[in-house]
């Protein structure tokens, strides 16, 4: 098990995400280079529920699937970045989402539920990682994630000005 702190402070030391988009609350298990188990507690006080009327149905309170995936991907990010944390995306290595496939939703998530993200590293290349896993609530699978690809890139490659861009054209004037 990794020595990375498992609570919110430890997660913030690894990921650049902050309120309202930090969607991982606790890491239960982290085996570097292998797997991670993390939790996300869903509450009715989250910003995405703000616009719901008092007459909204239970189905209207389903946790947005795109946020379920984002939360699971953040858990995967903790797994890959835990060995070399870099919450400052302006320097060092930056984690980039590459793609996702073979996702299957098998249940609903609502306020009061605690999602358990099971993330497994299925393949690691030089700077690209492939994950798979599930999201569970009360022991039942609510989402299966077949493949997520993430890449690590130097921040300088993402922040340097490309010749011929608007910024470099203005400098010539």
Protein backbone atom coordinates (compact mmCIF):
# COMPACT_ATOMS: atom_id res chain seq x y z
CA UNK A 1 0.00 0.00 0.00
CA UNK A 2 1.28 3.47 -0.86
CA UNK A 3 2.22 6.07 1.75
CA UNK A 4 0.22 8.76 -0.10
CA UNK A 5 -2.27 10.35 2.34
CA UNK A 6 -5.70 8.86 1.77
CA UNK A 7 -7.98 11.80 2.69
CA UNK A 8 -8.89 14.98 0.86
CA UNK A 9 -5.58 16.73 1.68
CA UNK A 10 -3.66 13.81 0.18
CA UNK A 11 -5.85 13.77 -2.92
CA UNK A 12 -5.35 17.52 -3.39
CA UNK A 13 -1.59 16.95 -3.16
CA UNK A 14 -1.86 14.64 -6.21
CA UNK A 15 -4.67 16.09 -8.38
CA UNK A 16 -5.13 19.67 -9.62
CA UNK A 17 -8.94 19.47 -9.26
CA UNK A 18 -10.71 21.66 -6.69
CA UNK A 19 -14.29 22.53 -5.71
CA UNK A 20 -16.68 21.95 -7.33
CA UNK A 21 -14.86 19.46 -9.56
CA UNK A 22 -12.82 17.47 -7.05
CA UNK A 23 -14.92 14.30 -7.15
CA UNK A 24 -12.90 11.87 -5.02
CA UNK A 25 -13.29 11.99 -1.24
CA UNK A 26 -11.09 9.21 0.09
CA UNK A 27 -8.62 6.57 -1.07
CA UNK A 28 -9.11 3.22 0.67
CA UNK A 29 -6.36 1.29 -1.06
CA UNK A 30 -3.54 2.25 -3.39
CA UNK A 31 -1.11 -0.29 -4.78
CA UNK A 32 1.24 1.70 -7.06
CA UNK A 33 1.34 0.44 -10.61
CA UNK A 34 -1.56 -1.96 -9.97
CA UNK A 35 -4.85 -0.78 -8.46
CA UNK A 36 -6.75 1.76 -6.39
CA UNK A 37 -10.02 1.82 -4.48
CA UNK A 38 -11.54 5.23 -3.77
CA UNK A 39 -14.82 6.69 -2.50
CA UNK A 40 -17.08 9.54 -3.60
CA UNK A 41 -20.05 10.42 -1.39
CA UNK A 42 -22.94 11.95 -3.32
CA UNK A 43 -24.99 14.62 -1.56
CA UNK A 44 -28.00 16.70 -2.54
CA UNK A 45 -25.94 19.85 -1.86
CA UNK A 46 -23.75 19.45 -4.93
CA UNK A 47 -23.96 22.26 -7.52
CA UNK A 48 -25.53 20.07 -10.24
CA UNK A 49 -28.67 19.67 -8.11
CA UNK A 50 -29.09 23.41 -7.50
CA UNK A 51 -31.51 23.99 -10.38
CA UNK A 52 -33.89 21.15 -9.51
CA UNK A 53 -37.33 22.24 -8.36
CA UNK A 54 -38.92 21.02 -5.15
CA UNK A 55 -41.18 18.89 -7.35
CA UNK A 56 -38.27 17.03 -8.98
CA UNK A 57 -38.68 13.25 -9.03
CA UNK A 58 -36.24 10.71 -7.62
CA UNK A 59 -35.07 10.02 -11.20
CA UNK A 60 -34.32 13.72 -11.61
CA UNK A 61 -31.83 13.29 -8.76
CA UNK A 62 -29.84 10.60 -10.57
CA UNK A 63 -26.17 11.56 -10.35
CA UNK A 64 -25.08 12.74 -13.82
CA UNK A 65 -23.34 9.88 -15.62
CA UNK A 66 -20.68 12.20 -17.01
CA UNK A 67 -19.75 13.12 -13.42
CA UNK A 68 -19.69 9.47 -12.38
CA UNK A 69 -17.15 8.88 -15.16
CA UNK A 70 -15.20 12.03 -14.20
CA UNK A 71 -15.05 10.87 -10.59
CA UNK A 72 -13.85 7.40 -11.62
CA UNK A 73 -11.23 8.95 -13.93
CA UNK A 74 -10.00 11.18 -11.10
CA UNK A 75 -9.52 8.03 -9.01
CA UNK A 76 -7.49 6.60 -11.90
CA UNK A 77 -5.54 9.86 -11.94
CA UNK A 78 -4.67 9.43 -8.26
CA UNK A 79 -3.33 5.97 -9.05
CA UNK A 80 -1.08 7.15 -11.87
CA UNK A 81 0.04 10.43 -10.29
CA UNK A 82 0.57 9.17 -6.74
CA UNK A 83 4.19 8.24 -7.38
CA UNK A 84 4.98 11.69 -8.87
CA UNK A 85 2.32 14.12 -7.63
CA UNK A 86 1.93 17.38 -9.54
CA UNK A 87 -1.16 19.39 -8.62
CA UNK A 88 0.40 22.44 -10.34
CA UNK A 89 -0.44 21.87 -14.01
CA UNK A 90 1.91 24.67 -15.12
CA UNK A 91 5.06 22.66 -14.43
CA UNK A 92 6.28 19.07 -14.38
CA UNK A 93 4.20 16.30 -15.92
CA UNK A 94 0.56 17.01 -16.72
CA UNK A 95 -2.06 14.25 -16.80
CA UNK A 96 -4.25 14.33 -19.91
CA UNK A 97 -7.40 12.34 -20.60
CA UNK A 98 -7.00 10.44 -23.86
CA UNK A 99 -10.19 8.48 -24.35
CA UNK A 100 -12.76 6.08 -22.97
CA UNK A 101 -14.50 3.04 -24.42
CA UNK A 102 -16.66 0.10 -23.45
CA UNK A 103 -18.58 1.87 -20.69
CA UNK A 104 -21.77 0.24 -19.46
CA UNK A 105 -24.12 1.77 -16.91
CA UNK A 106 -25.95 -0.86 -14.88
CA UNK A 107 -27.52 1.17 -12.07
CA UNK A 108 -28.39 4.59 -10.70
CA UNK A 109 -26.57 6.76 -8.18
CA UNK A 110 -28.48 9.25 -6.05
CA UNK A 111 -27.82 11.60 -3.13
CA UNK A 112 -26.99 9.55 -0.05
CA UNK A 113 -25.06 6.94 -2.05
CA UNK A 114 -21.34 6.35 -1.65
CA UNK A 115 -19.67 5.33 -4.89
CA UNK A 116 -16.77 2.92 -4.61
CA UNK A 117 -14.39 3.24 -7.55
CA UNK A 118 -12.35 0.14 -8.35
CA UNK A 119 -9.52 1.09 -10.73
CA UNK A 120 -7.04 -1.35 -12.24
CA UNK A 121 -4.03 -0.41 -14.32
CA UNK A 122 -4.19 -2.81 -17.25
CA UNK A 123 -1.22 -1.49 -19.26
CA UNK A 124 1.47 1.13 -18.81
CA UNK A 125 3.61 2.39 -21.67
CA UNK A 126 6.30 5.07 -21.47
CA UNK A 127 3.94 8.00 -20.97
CA UNK A 128 0.51 6.45 -21.60
CA UNK A 129 -1.57 4.36 -19.22
CA UNK A 130 -4.67 2.23 -19.76
CA UNK A 131 -7.14 1.55 -16.94
CA UNK A 132 -10.25 -0.56 -16.44
CA UNK A 133 -12.64 -1.10 -13.56
CA UNK A 134 -16.03 -0.57 -11.99
CA UNK A 135 -18.05 1.77 -9.85
CA UNK A 136 -20.15 0.21 -7.12
CA UNK A 137 -22.82 1.41 -4.68
CA UNK A 138 -23.67 -0.84 -1.72
CA UNK A 139 -21.82 -3.71 -3.41
CA UNK A 140 -23.78 -3.51 -6.68
CA UNK A 141 -22.03 -2.49 -9.90
CA UNK A 142 -23.50 0.75 -11.29
CA UNK A 143 -20.93 1.26 -14.04
CA UNK A 144 -18.35 -0.86 -15.82
CA UNK A 145 -15.43 0.95 -17.43
CA UNK A 146 -13.78 -1.16 -20.12
CA UNK A 147 -10.93 1.17 -21.03
CA UNK A 148 -9.67 4.63 -20.14
CA UNK A 149 -6.49 6.01 -21.69
CA UNK A 150 -4.49 8.76 -19.99
CA UNK A 151 -1.20 10.30 -21.02
CA UNK A 152 1.45 12.19 -19.10
CA UNK A 153 3.06 15.11 -20.93
CA UNK A 154 5.54 17.81 -19.90
CA UNK A 155 3.69 21.04 -19.04
CA UNK A 156 6.15 22.96 -21.20
CA UNK A 157 4.85 21.17 -24.29
CA UNK A 158 1.38 22.47 -23.48
CA UNK A 159 2.28 26.04 -22.50
CA UNK A 160 4.92 27.04 -25.06
CA UNK A 161 3.76 29.35 -27.86
CA UNK A 162 3.54 27.71 -31.24
CA UNK A 163 5.19 29.73 -34.05
CA UNK A 164 2.59 31.56 -36.13
CA UNK A 165 -0.02 31.85 -33.35
CA UNK A 166 -1.80 35.10 -32.53
CA UNK A 167 0.51 35.81 -29.60
CA UNK A 168 3.67 35.49 -31.69
CA UNK A 169 2.08 37.57 -34.53
CA UNK A 170 1.37 40.42 -32.10
CA UNK A 171 4.97 40.36 -30.89
CA UNK A 172 6.18 40.99 -34.46
CA UNK A 173 4.13 44.20 -34.80
